[in-house]
Amino acid sequence: MVEDVRARAVITGRVQGVAYRVETQWAAERIGVSGWVRNRADGSVEAVFEGERPKVEEMLAWCRRGPAPARVTGVDVKWEGYSGEFTGFRIAR
């Protein structure tokens, strides 16, 4: 049985103004994880991913690359308790 997990990621670098959030949403839907993504006032992007561990890890690997125009310099990940609260993936404001 595959474990369900939750990860909160803060992505730094050139990640705003490069379609990072919408590309993250598309990747999350393709990979099959739920949660949300949003811009932060400090210029970083924050996301929460829930799902099966291999899928969440695949999503985190995607975040380390991001879309083509992005220049990711760091991804800080905190593992949290799985809640199952999400029904899909959305861009939060």
PDB file of N, CA and C in Angstrom:
ATOM      1  N   MET A   1       0.847  -1.189   0.000  1.00  0.00           N
ATOM      2  CA  MET A   1       0.000   0.000   0.000  1.00  0.00           C
ATOM      3  C   MET A   1       0.887   1.245   0.000  1.00  0.00           C
ATOM      4  N   VAL A   2       0.515   2.218  -0.815  1.00  0.00           N
ATOM      5  CA  VAL A   2       1.283   3.453  -0.931  1.00  0.00           C
ATOM      6  C   VAL A   2       0.794   4.445   0.126  1.00  0.00           C
ATOM      7  N   GLU A   3       1.740   5.089   0.783  1.00  0.00           N
ATOM      8  CA  GLU A   3       1.440   6.051   1.850  1.00  0.00           C
ATOM      9  C   GLU A   3       0.996   7.391   1.260  1.00  0.00           C
ATOM     10  N   ASP A   4      -0.064   7.974   1.823  1.00  0.00           N
ATOM     11  CA  ASP A   4      -0.482   9.330   1.465  1.00  0.00           C
ATOM     12  C   ASP A   4       0.285  10.314   2.332  1.00  0.00           C
ATOM     13  N   VAL A   5       0.798  11.376   1.706  1.00  0.00           N
ATOM     14  CA  VAL A   5       1.627  12.350   2.411  1.00  0.00           C
ATOM     15  C   VAL A   5       1.214  13.769   2.030  1.00  0.00           C
ATOM     16  N   ARG A   6       1.768  14.718   2.786  1.00  0.00           N
ATOM     17  CA  ARG A   6       1.554  16.144   2.529  1.00  0.00           C
ATOM     18  C   ARG A   6       2.893  16.848   2.640  1.00  0.00           C
ATOM     19  N   ALA A   7       3.200  17.685   1.650  1.00  0.00           N
ATOM     20  CA  ALA A   7       4.431  18.470   1.667  1.00  0.00           C
ATOM     21  C   ALA A   7       4.099  19.927   1.401  1.00  0.00           C
ATOM     22  N   ARG A   8       4.732  20.810   2.171  1.00  0.00           N
ATOM     23  CA  ARG A   8       4.630  22.252   1.946  1.00  0.00           C
ATOM     24  C   ARG A   8       5.983  22.702   1.405  1.00  0.00           C
ATOM     25  N   ALA A   9       5.971  23.365   0.259  1.00  0.00           N
ATOM     26  CA  ALA A   9       7.215  23.780  -0.384  1.00  0.00           C
ATOM     27  C   ALA A   9       7.217  25.294  -0.569  1.00  0.00           C
ATOM     28  N   VAL A  10       8.374  25.902  -0.305  1.00  0.00           N
ATOM     29  CA  VAL A  10       8.597  27.309  -0.628  1.00  0.00           C
ATOM     30  C   VAL A  10       9.705  27.332  -1.674  1.00  0.00           C
ATOM     31  N   ILE A  11       9.369  27.862  -2.846  1.00  0.00           N
ATOM     32  CA  ILE A  11      10.272  27.854  -3.982  1.00  0.00           C
ATOM     33  C   ILE A  11      10.816  29.266  -4.174  1.00  0.00           C
ATOM     34  N   THR A  12      12.143  29.384  -4.265  1.00  0.00           N
ATOM     35  CA  THR A  12      12.773  30.690  -4.408  1.00  0.00           C
ATOM     36  C   THR A  12      13.530  30.776  -5.726  1.00  0.00           C
ATOM     37  N   GLY A  13      13.829  31.995  -6.103  1.00  0.00           N
ATOM     38  CA  GLY A  13      14.523  32.274  -7.362  1.00  0.00           C
ATOM     39  C   GLY A  13      13.649  33.169  -8.222  1.00  0.00           C
ATOM     40  N   ARG A  14      13.816  33.093  -9.519  1.00  0.00           N
ATOM     41  CA  ARG A  14      12.937  33.840 -10.431  1.00  0.00           C
ATOM     42  C   ARG A  14      11.721  32.966 -10.700  1.00  0.00           C
ATOM     43  N   VAL A  15      10.730  33.090  -9.822  1.00  0.00           N
ATOM     44  CA  VAL A  15       9.564  32.207  -9.887  1.00  0.00           C
ATOM     45  C   VAL A  15       8.239  32.971  -9.965  1.00  0.00           C
ATOM     46  N   GLN A  16       8.297  34.284  -9.990  1.00  0.00           N
ATOM     47  CA  GLN A  16       7.089  35.077 -10.201  1.00  0.00           C
ATOM     48  C   GLN A  16       7.213  35.787 -11.542  1.00  0.00           C
ATOM     49  N   GLY A  17       6.095  35.913 -12.240  1.00  0.00           N
ATOM     50  CA  GLY A  17       6.094  36.550 -13.547  1.00  0.00           C
ATOM     51  C   GLY A  17       6.575  35.639 -14.664  1.00  0.00           C
ATOM     52  N   VAL A  18       6.641  34.332 -14.381  1.00  0.00           N
ATOM     53  CA  VAL A  18       7.116  33.354 -15.369  1.00  0.00           C
ATOM     54  C   VAL A  18       6.138  32.183 -15.526  1.00  0.00           C
ATOM     55  N   ALA A  19       4.879  32.401 -15.150  1.00  0.00           N
ATOM     56  CA  ALA A  19       3.816  31.386 -15.238  1.00  0.00           C
ATOM     57  C   ALA A  19       4.063  30.187 -14.323  1.00  0.00           C
ATOM     58  N   TYR A  20       4.799  30.392 -13.238  1.00  0.00           N
ATOM     59  CA  TYR A  20       5.118  29.280 -12.339  1.00  0.00           C
ATOM     60  C   TYR A  20       3.857  28.665 -11.731  1.00  0.00           C
ATOM     61  N   ARG A  21       2.923  29.506 -11.273  1.00  0.00           N
ATOM     62  CA  ARG A  21       1.724  28.967 -10.615  1.00  0.00           C
ATOM     63  C   ARG A  21       0.854  28.150 -11.569  1.00  0.00           C
ATOM     64  N   VAL A  22       0.577  28.688 -12.754  1.00  0.00           N
ATOM     65  CA  VAL A  22      -0.292  27.961 -13.684  1.00  0.00           C
ATOM     66  C   VAL A  22       0.388  26.681 -14.165  1.00  0.00           C
ATOM     67  N   GLU A  23       1.695  26.739 -14.402  1.00  0.00           N
ATOM     68  CA  GLU A  23       2.418  25.524 -14.806  1.00  0.00           C
ATOM     69  C   GLU A  23       2.443  24.502 -13.661  1.00  0.00           C
ATOM     70  N   THR A  24       2.525  24.991 -12.423  1.00  0.00           N
ATOM     71  CA  THR A  24       2.470  24.086 -11.267  1.00  0.00           C
ATOM     72  C   THR A  24       1.106  23.392 -11.209  1.00  0.00           C
ATOM     73  N   GLN A  25       0.053  24.165 -11.447  1.00  0.00           N
ATOM     74  CA  GLN A  25      -1.290  23.583 -11.446  1.00  0.00           C
ATOM     75  C   GLN A  25      -1.402  22.504 -12.523  1.00  0.00           C
ATOM     76  N   TRP A  26      -0.920  22.786 -13.724  1.00  0.00           N
ATOM     77  CA  TRP A  26      -0.986  21.798 -14.808  1.00  0.00           C
ATOM     78  C   TRP A  26      -0.187  20.550 -14.455  1.00  0.00           C
ATOM     79  N   ALA A  27       1.010  20.743 -13.882  1.00  0.00           N
ATOM     80  CA  ALA A  27       1.846  19.593 -13.511  1.00  0.00           C
ATOM     81  C   ALA A  27       1.170  18.765 -12.422  1.00  0.00           C
ATOM     82  N   ALA A  28       0.581  19.440 -11.433  1.00  0.00           N
ATOM     83  CA  ALA A  28      -0.094  18.737 -10.338  1.00  0.00           C
ATOM     84  C   ALA A  28      -1.270  17.913 -10.866  1.00  0.00           C
ATOM     85  N   GLU A  29      -2.012  18.484 -11.788  1.00  0.00           N
ATOM     86  CA  GLU A  29      -3.149  17.756 -12.366  1.00  0.00           C
ATOM     87  C   GLU A  29      -2.663  16.562 -13.183  1.00  0.00           C
ATOM     88  N   ARG A  30      -1.572  16.745 -13.931  1.00  0.00           N
ATOM     89  CA  ARG A  30      -1.029  15.653 -14.741  1.00  0.00           C
ATOM     90  C   ARG A  30      -0.469  14.536 -13.855  1.00  0.00           C
ATOM     91  N   ILE A  31       0.229  14.920 -12.796  1.00  0.00           N
ATOM     92  CA  ILE A  31       0.863  13.938 -11.907  1.00  0.00           C
ATOM     93  C   ILE A  31      -0.169  13.281 -10.997  1.00  0.00           C
ATOM     94  N   GLY A  32      -1.208  14.027 -10.623  1.00  0.00           N
ATOM     95  CA  GLY A  32      -2.268  13.462  -9.792  1.00  0.00           C
ATOM     96  C   GLY A  32      -2.141  13.758  -8.316  1.00  0.00           C
ATOM     97  N   VAL A  33      -1.743  14.990  -7.998  1.00  0.00           N
ATOM     98  CA  VAL A  33      -1.715  15.411  -6.598  1.00  0.00           C
ATOM     99  C   VAL A  33      -2.707  16.539  -6.404  1.00  0.00           C
ATOM    100  N   SER A  34      -3.117  16.756  -5.170  1.00  0.00           N
ATOM    101  CA  SER A  34      -4.046  17.835  -4.857  1.00  0.00           C
ATOM    102  C   SER A  34      -3.338  18.880  -3.998  1.00  0.00           C
ATOM    103  N   GLY A  35      -4.007  20.041  -3.816  1.00  0.00           N
ATOM    104  CA  GLY A  35      -3.446  21.093  -2.979  1.00  0.00           C
ATOM    105  C   GLY A  35      -3.622  22.459  -3.601  1.00  0.00           C
ATOM    106  N   TRP A  36      -2.630  23.328  -3.389  1.00  0.00           N
ATOM    107  CA  TRP A  36      -2.709  24.693  -3.897  1.00  0.00           C
ATOM    108  C   TRP A  36      -1.315  25.277  -4.085  1.00  0.00           C
ATOM    109  N   VAL A  37      -1.255  26.395  -4.835  1.00  0.00           N
ATOM    110  CA  VAL A  37      -0.012  27.135  -5.047  1.00  0.00           C
ATOM    111  C   VAL A  37      -0.347  28.619  -5.008  1.00  0.00           C
ATOM    112  N   ARG A  38       0.579  29.442  -4.490  1.00  0.00           N
ATOM    113  CA  ARG A  38       0.351  30.886  -4.443  1.00  0.00           C
ATOM    114  C   ARG A  38       1.677  31.642  -4.451  1.00  0.00           C
ATOM    115  N   ASN A  39       1.613  32.893  -4.912  1.00  0.00           N
ATOM    116  CA  ASN A  39       2.748  33.797  -4.794  1.00  0.00           C
ATOM    117  C   ASN A  39       2.809  34.332  -3.372  1.00  0.00           C
ATOM    118  N   ARG A  40       4.024  34.594  -2.906  1.00  0.00           N
ATOM    119  CA  ARG A  40       4.219  35.225  -1.604  1.00  0.00           C
ATOM    120  C   ARG A  40       4.787  36.623  -1.814  1.00  0.00           C
ATOM    121  N   ALA A  41       4.562  37.491  -0.840  1.00  0.00           N
ATOM    122  CA  ALA A  41       4.989  38.889  -0.945  1.00  0.00           C
ATOM    123  C   ALA A  41       6.499  39.031  -1.104  1.00  0.00           C
ATOM    124  N   ASP A  42       7.261  38.052  -0.622  1.00  0.00           N
ATOM    125  CA  ASP A  42       8.725  38.147  -0.692  1.00  0.00           C
ATOM    126  C   ASP A  42       9.299  37.707  -2.036  1.00  0.00           C
ATOM    127  N   GLY A  43       8.425  37.395  -3.014  1.00  0.00           N
ATOM    128  CA  GLY A  43       8.889  36.996  -4.343  1.00  0.00           C
ATOM    129  C   GLY A  43       9.013  35.498  -4.537  1.00  0.00           C
ATOM    130  N   SER A  44       8.778  34.733  -3.490  1.00  0.00           N
ATOM    131  CA  SER A  44       8.821  33.273  -3.599  1.00  0.00           C
ATOM    132  C   SER A  44       7.428  32.742  -3.942  1.00  0.00           C
ATOM    133  N   VAL A  45       7.354  31.449  -4.166  1.00  0.00           N
ATOM    134  CA  VAL A  45       6.090  30.760  -4.407  1.00  0.00           C
ATOM    135  C   VAL A  45       5.955  29.677  -3.343  1.00  0.00           C
ATOM    136  N   GLU A  46       4.754  29.536  -2.788  1.00  0.00           N
ATOM    137  CA  GLU A  46       4.479  28.505  -1.779  1.00  0.00           C
ATOM    138  C   GLU A  46       3.443  27.536  -2.342  1.00  0.00           C
ATOM    139  N   ALA A  47       3.611  26.259  -2.050  1.00  0.00           N
ATOM    140  CA  ALA A  47       2.657  25.257  -2.513  1.00  0.00           C
ATOM    141  C   ALA A  47       2.496  24.172  -1.467  1.00  0.00           C
ATOM    142  N   VAL A  48       1.306  23.596  -1.437  1.00  0.00           N
ATOM    143  CA  VAL A  48       1.023  22.429  -0.608  1.00  0.00           C
ATOM    144  C   VAL A  48       0.562  21.325  -1.544  1.00  0.00           C
ATOM    145  N   PHE A  49       1.184  20.162  -1.416  1.00  0.00           N
ATOM    146  CA  PHE A  49       0.853  19.004  -2.246  1.00  0.00           C
ATOM    147  C   PHE A  49       0.432  17.851  -1.357  1.00  0.00           C
ATOM    148  N   GLU A  50      -0.660  17.187  -1.715  1.00  0.00           N
ATOM    149  CA  GLU A  50      -1.086  15.972  -1.018  1.00  0.00           C
ATOM    150  C   GLU A  50      -1.327  14.869  -2.034  1.00  0.00           C
ATOM    151  N   GLY A  51      -1.005  13.660  -1.615  1.00  0.00           N
ATOM    152  CA  GLY A  51      -1.248  12.499  -2.462  1.00  0.00           C
ATOM    153  C   GLY A  51      -0.326  11.367  -2.086  1.00  0.00           C
ATOM    154  N   GLU A  52      -0.235  10.398  -2.977  1.00  0.00           N
ATOM    155  CA  GLU A  52       0.647   9.264  -2.744  1.00  0.00           C
ATOM    156  C   GLU A  52       2.099   9.742  -2.764  1.00  0.00           C
ATOM    157  N   ARG A  53       2.907   9.195  -1.864  1.00  0.00           N
ATOM    158  CA  ARG A  53       4.286   9.667  -1.721  1.00  0.00           C
ATOM    159  C   ARG A  53       5.051   9.758  -3.041  1.00  0.00           C
ATOM    160  N   PRO A  54       5.026   8.736  -3.912  1.00  0.00           N
ATOM    161  CA  PRO A  54       5.795   8.852  -5.163  1.00  0.00           C
ATOM    162  C   PRO A  54       5.334  10.028  -6.028  1.00  0.00           C
ATOM    163  N   LYS A  55       4.045  10.308  -6.030  1.00  0.00           N
ATOM    164  CA  LYS A  55       3.517  11.415  -6.829  1.00  0.00           C
ATOM    165  C   LYS A  55       3.913  12.765  -6.235  1.00  0.00           C
ATOM    166  N   VAL A  56       3.856  12.878  -4.909  1.00  0.00           N
ATOM    167  CA  VAL A  56       4.276  14.130  -4.257  1.00  0.00           C
ATOM    168  C   VAL A  56       5.764  14.347  -4.485  1.00  0.00           C
ATOM    169  N   GLU A  57       6.567  13.297  -4.403  1.00  0.00           N
ATOM    170  CA  GLU A  57       8.001  13.431  -4.659  1.00  0.00           C
ATOM    171  C   GLU A  57       8.272  13.825  -6.109  1.00  0.00           C
ATOM    172  N   GLU A  58       7.478  13.297  -7.049  1.00  0.00           N
ATOM    173  CA  GLU A  58       7.610  13.689  -8.450  1.00  0.00           C
ATOM    174  C   GLU A  58       7.262  15.167  -8.621  1.00  0.00           C
ATOM    175  N   MET A  59       6.252  15.630  -7.908  1.00  0.00           N
ATOM    176  CA  MET A  59       5.856  17.034  -7.981  1.00  0.00           C
ATOM    177  C   MET A  59       6.956  17.928  -7.418  1.00  0.00           C
ATOM    178  N   LEU A  60       7.570  17.522  -6.318  1.00  0.00           N
ATOM    179  CA  LEU A  60       8.669  18.305  -5.741  1.00  0.00           C
ATOM    180  C   LEU A  60       9.860  18.358  -6.689  1.00  0.00           C
ATOM    181  N   ALA A  61      10.125  17.261  -7.387  1.00  0.00           N
ATOM    182  CA  ALA A  61      11.205  17.253  -8.386  1.00  0.00           C
ATOM    183  C   ALA A  61      10.869  18.236  -9.504  1.00  0.00           C
ATOM    184  N   TRP A  62       9.607  18.285  -9.922  1.00  0.00           N
ATOM    185  CA  TRP A  62       9.192  19.250 -10.940  1.00  0.00           C
ATOM    186  C   TRP A  62       9.431  20.677 -10.432  1.00  0.00           C
ATOM    187  N   CYS A  63       9.100  20.929  -9.169  1.00  0.00           N
ATOM    188  CA  CYS A  63       9.268  22.274  -8.596  1.00  0.00           C
ATOM    189  C   CYS A  63      10.726  22.722  -8.630  1.00  0.00           C
ATOM    190  N   ARG A  64      11.652  21.794  -8.515  1.00  0.00           N
ATOM    191  CA  ARG A  64      13.070  22.155  -8.538  1.00  0.00           C
ATOM    192  C   ARG A  64      13.514  22.633  -9.922  1.00  0.00           C
ATOM    193  N   ARG A  65      12.759  22.272 -10.958  1.00  0.00           N
ATOM    194  CA  ARG A  65      13.028  22.743 -12.322  1.00  0.00           C
ATOM    195  C   ARG A  65      12.115  23.906 -12.677  1.00  0.00           C
ATOM    196  N   GLY A  66      10.808  23.717 -12.479  1.00  0.00           N
ATOM    197  CA  GLY A  66       9.820  24.723 -12.838  1.00  0.00           C
ATOM    198  C   GLY A  66       9.665  24.852 -14.338  1.00  0.00           C
ATOM    199  N   PRO A  67       8.862  25.820 -14.777  1.00  0.00           N
ATOM    200  CA  PRO A  67       8.689  26.050 -16.212  1.00  0.00           C
ATOM    201  C   PRO A  67       9.956  26.652 -16.810  1.00  0.00           C
ATOM    202  N   ALA A  68      10.070  26.594 -18.120  1.00  0.00           N
ATOM    203  CA  ALA A  68      11.296  27.021 -18.815  1.00  0.00           C
ATOM    204  C   ALA A  68      11.795  28.419 -18.432  1.00  0.00           C
ATOM    205  N   PRO A  69      10.932  29.454 -18.322  1.00  0.00           N
ATOM    206  CA  PRO A  69      11.479  30.785 -18.018  1.00  0.00           C
ATOM    207  C   PRO A  69      11.930  30.954 -16.562  1.00  0.00           C
ATOM    208  N   ALA A  70      11.540  30.045 -15.682  1.00  0.00           N
ATOM    209  CA  ALA A  70      11.882  30.166 -14.256  1.00  0.00           C
ATOM    210  C   ALA A  70      13.354  29.836 -14.016  1.00  0.00           C
ATOM    211  N   ARG A  71      13.891  30.389 -12.948  1.00  0.00           N
ATOM    212  CA  ARG A  71      15.239  30.061 -12.487  1.00  0.00           C
ATOM    213  C   ARG A  71      15.132  29.744 -10.995  1.00  0.00           C
ATOM    214  N   VAL A  72      14.902  28.491 -10.684  1.00  0.00           N
ATOM    215  CA  VAL A  72      14.719  28.064  -9.296  1.00  0.00           C
ATOM    216  C   VAL A  72      16.082  27.980  -8.618  1.00  0.00           C
ATOM    217  N   THR A  73      16.204  28.656  -7.470  1.00  0.00           N
ATOM    218  CA  THR A  73      17.454  28.600  -6.704  1.00  0.00           C
ATOM    219  C   THR A  73      17.315  27.768  -5.437  1.00  0.00           C
ATOM    220  N   GLY A  74      16.078  27.489  -5.015  1.00  0.00           N
ATOM    221  CA  GLY A  74      15.903  26.676  -3.824  1.00  0.00           C
ATOM    222  C   GLY A  74      14.472  26.207  -3.662  1.00  0.00           C
ATOM    223  N   VAL A  75      14.325  25.038  -3.042  1.00  0.00           N
ATOM    224  CA  VAL A  75      13.012  24.503  -2.682  1.00  0.00           C
ATOM    225  C   VAL A  75      13.116  23.991  -1.250  1.00  0.00           C
ATOM    226  N   ASP A  76      12.468  24.696  -0.334  1.00  0.00           N
ATOM    227  CA  ASP A  76      12.458  24.304   1.077  1.00  0.00           C
ATOM    228  C   ASP A  76      11.193  23.492   1.321  1.00  0.00           C
ATOM    229  N   VAL A  77      11.345  22.241   1.715  1.00  0.00           N
ATOM    230  CA  VAL A  77      10.211  21.334   1.890  1.00  0.00           C
ATOM    231  C   VAL A  77      10.021  20.993   3.358  1.00  0.00           C
ATOM    232  N   LYS A  78       8.780  21.095   3.803  1.00  0.00           N
ATOM    233  CA  LYS A  78       8.407  20.652   5.149  1.00  0.00           C
ATOM    234  C   LYS A  78       7.323  19.592   4.991  1.00  0.00           C
ATOM    235  N   TRP A  79       7.546  18.433   5.588  1.00  0.00           N
ATOM    236  CA  TRP A  79       6.561  17.364   5.538  1.00  0.00           C
ATOM    237  C   TRP A  79       5.585  17.567   6.683  1.00  0.00           C
ATOM    238  N   GLU A  80       4.303  17.517   6.372  1.00  0.00           N
ATOM    239  CA  GLU A  80       3.240  17.733   7.347  1.00  0.00           C
ATOM    240  C   GLU A  80       2.322  16.520   7.353  1.00  0.00           C
ATOM    241  N   GLY A  81       1.413  16.488   8.304  1.00  0.00           N
ATOM    242  CA  GLY A  81       0.461  15.391   8.367  1.00  0.00           C
ATOM    243  C   GLY A  81      -0.559  15.465   7.243  1.00  0.00           C
ATOM    244  N   TYR A  82      -0.804  14.336   6.596  1.00  0.00           N
ATOM    245  CA  TYR A  82      -1.782  14.256   5.513  1.00  0.00           C
ATOM    246  C   TYR A  82      -3.165  14.566   6.063  1.00  0.00           C
ATOM    247  N   SER A  83      -3.939  15.418   5.358  1.00  0.00           N
ATOM    248  CA  SER A  83      -5.277  15.783   5.833  1.00  0.00           C
ATOM    249  C   SER A  83      -6.392  15.277   4.919  1.00  0.00           C
ATOM    250  N   GLY A  84      -6.118  15.114   3.630  1.00  0.00           N
ATOM    251  CA  GLY A  84      -7.162  14.705   2.695  1.00  0.00           C
ATOM    252  C   GLY A  84      -8.205  15.779   2.446  1.00  0.00           C
ATOM    253  N   GLU A  85      -7.880  17.029   2.760  1.00  0.00           N
ATOM    254  CA  GLU A  85      -8.861  18.118   2.667  1.00  0.00           C
ATOM    255  C   GLU A  85      -9.101  18.635   1.253  1.00  0.00           C
ATOM    256  N   PHE A  86      -8.233  18.300   0.301  1.00  0.00           N
ATOM    257  CA  PHE A  86      -8.326  18.864  -1.045  1.00  0.00           C
ATOM    258  C   PHE A  86      -9.003  17.892  -2.010  1.00  0.00           C
ATOM    259  N   THR A  87      -9.785  18.461  -2.920  1.00  0.00           N
ATOM    260  CA  THR A  87     -10.435  17.639  -3.948  1.00  0.00           C
ATOM    261  C   THR A  87      -9.788  17.830  -5.310  1.00  0.00           C
ATOM    262  N   GLY A  88      -8.895  18.774  -5.424  1.00  0.00           N
ATOM    263  CA  GLY A  88      -8.201  19.041  -6.677  1.00  0.00           C
ATOM    264  C   GLY A  88      -7.009  19.933  -6.380  1.00  0.00           C
ATOM    265  N   PHE A  89      -6.528  20.617  -7.405  1.00  0.00           N
ATOM    266  CA  PHE A  89      -5.389  21.523  -7.223  1.00  0.00           C
ATOM    267  C   PHE A  89      -5.807  22.897  -7.739  1.00  0.00           C
ATOM    268  N   ARG A  90      -5.522  23.939  -6.960  1.00  0.00           N
ATOM    269  CA  ARG A  90      -5.958  25.281  -7.340  1.00  0.00           C
ATOM    270  C   ARG A  90      -4.855  26.308  -7.127  1.00  0.00           C
ATOM    271  N   ILE A  91      -5.009  27.428  -7.793  1.00  0.00           N
ATOM    272  CA  ILE A  91      -4.150  28.572  -7.569  1.00  0.00           C
ATOM    273  C   ILE A  91      -4.821  29.426  -6.512  1.00  0.00           C
ATOM    274  N   ALA A  92      -4.150  29.614  -5.386  1.00  0.00           N
ATOM    275  CA  ALA A  92      -4.690  30.414  -4.286  1.00  0.00           C
ATOM    276  C   ALA A  92      -4.242  31.862  -4.462  1.00  0.00           C
ATOM    277  N   ARG A  93      -4.988  32.755  -3.916  1.00  0.00           N
ATOM    278  CA  ARG A  93      -4.639  34.175  -3.979  1.00  0.00           C
ATOM    279  C   ARG A  93      -4.207  34.673  -2.624  1.00  0.00           C
TER     280      ARG A  93
END
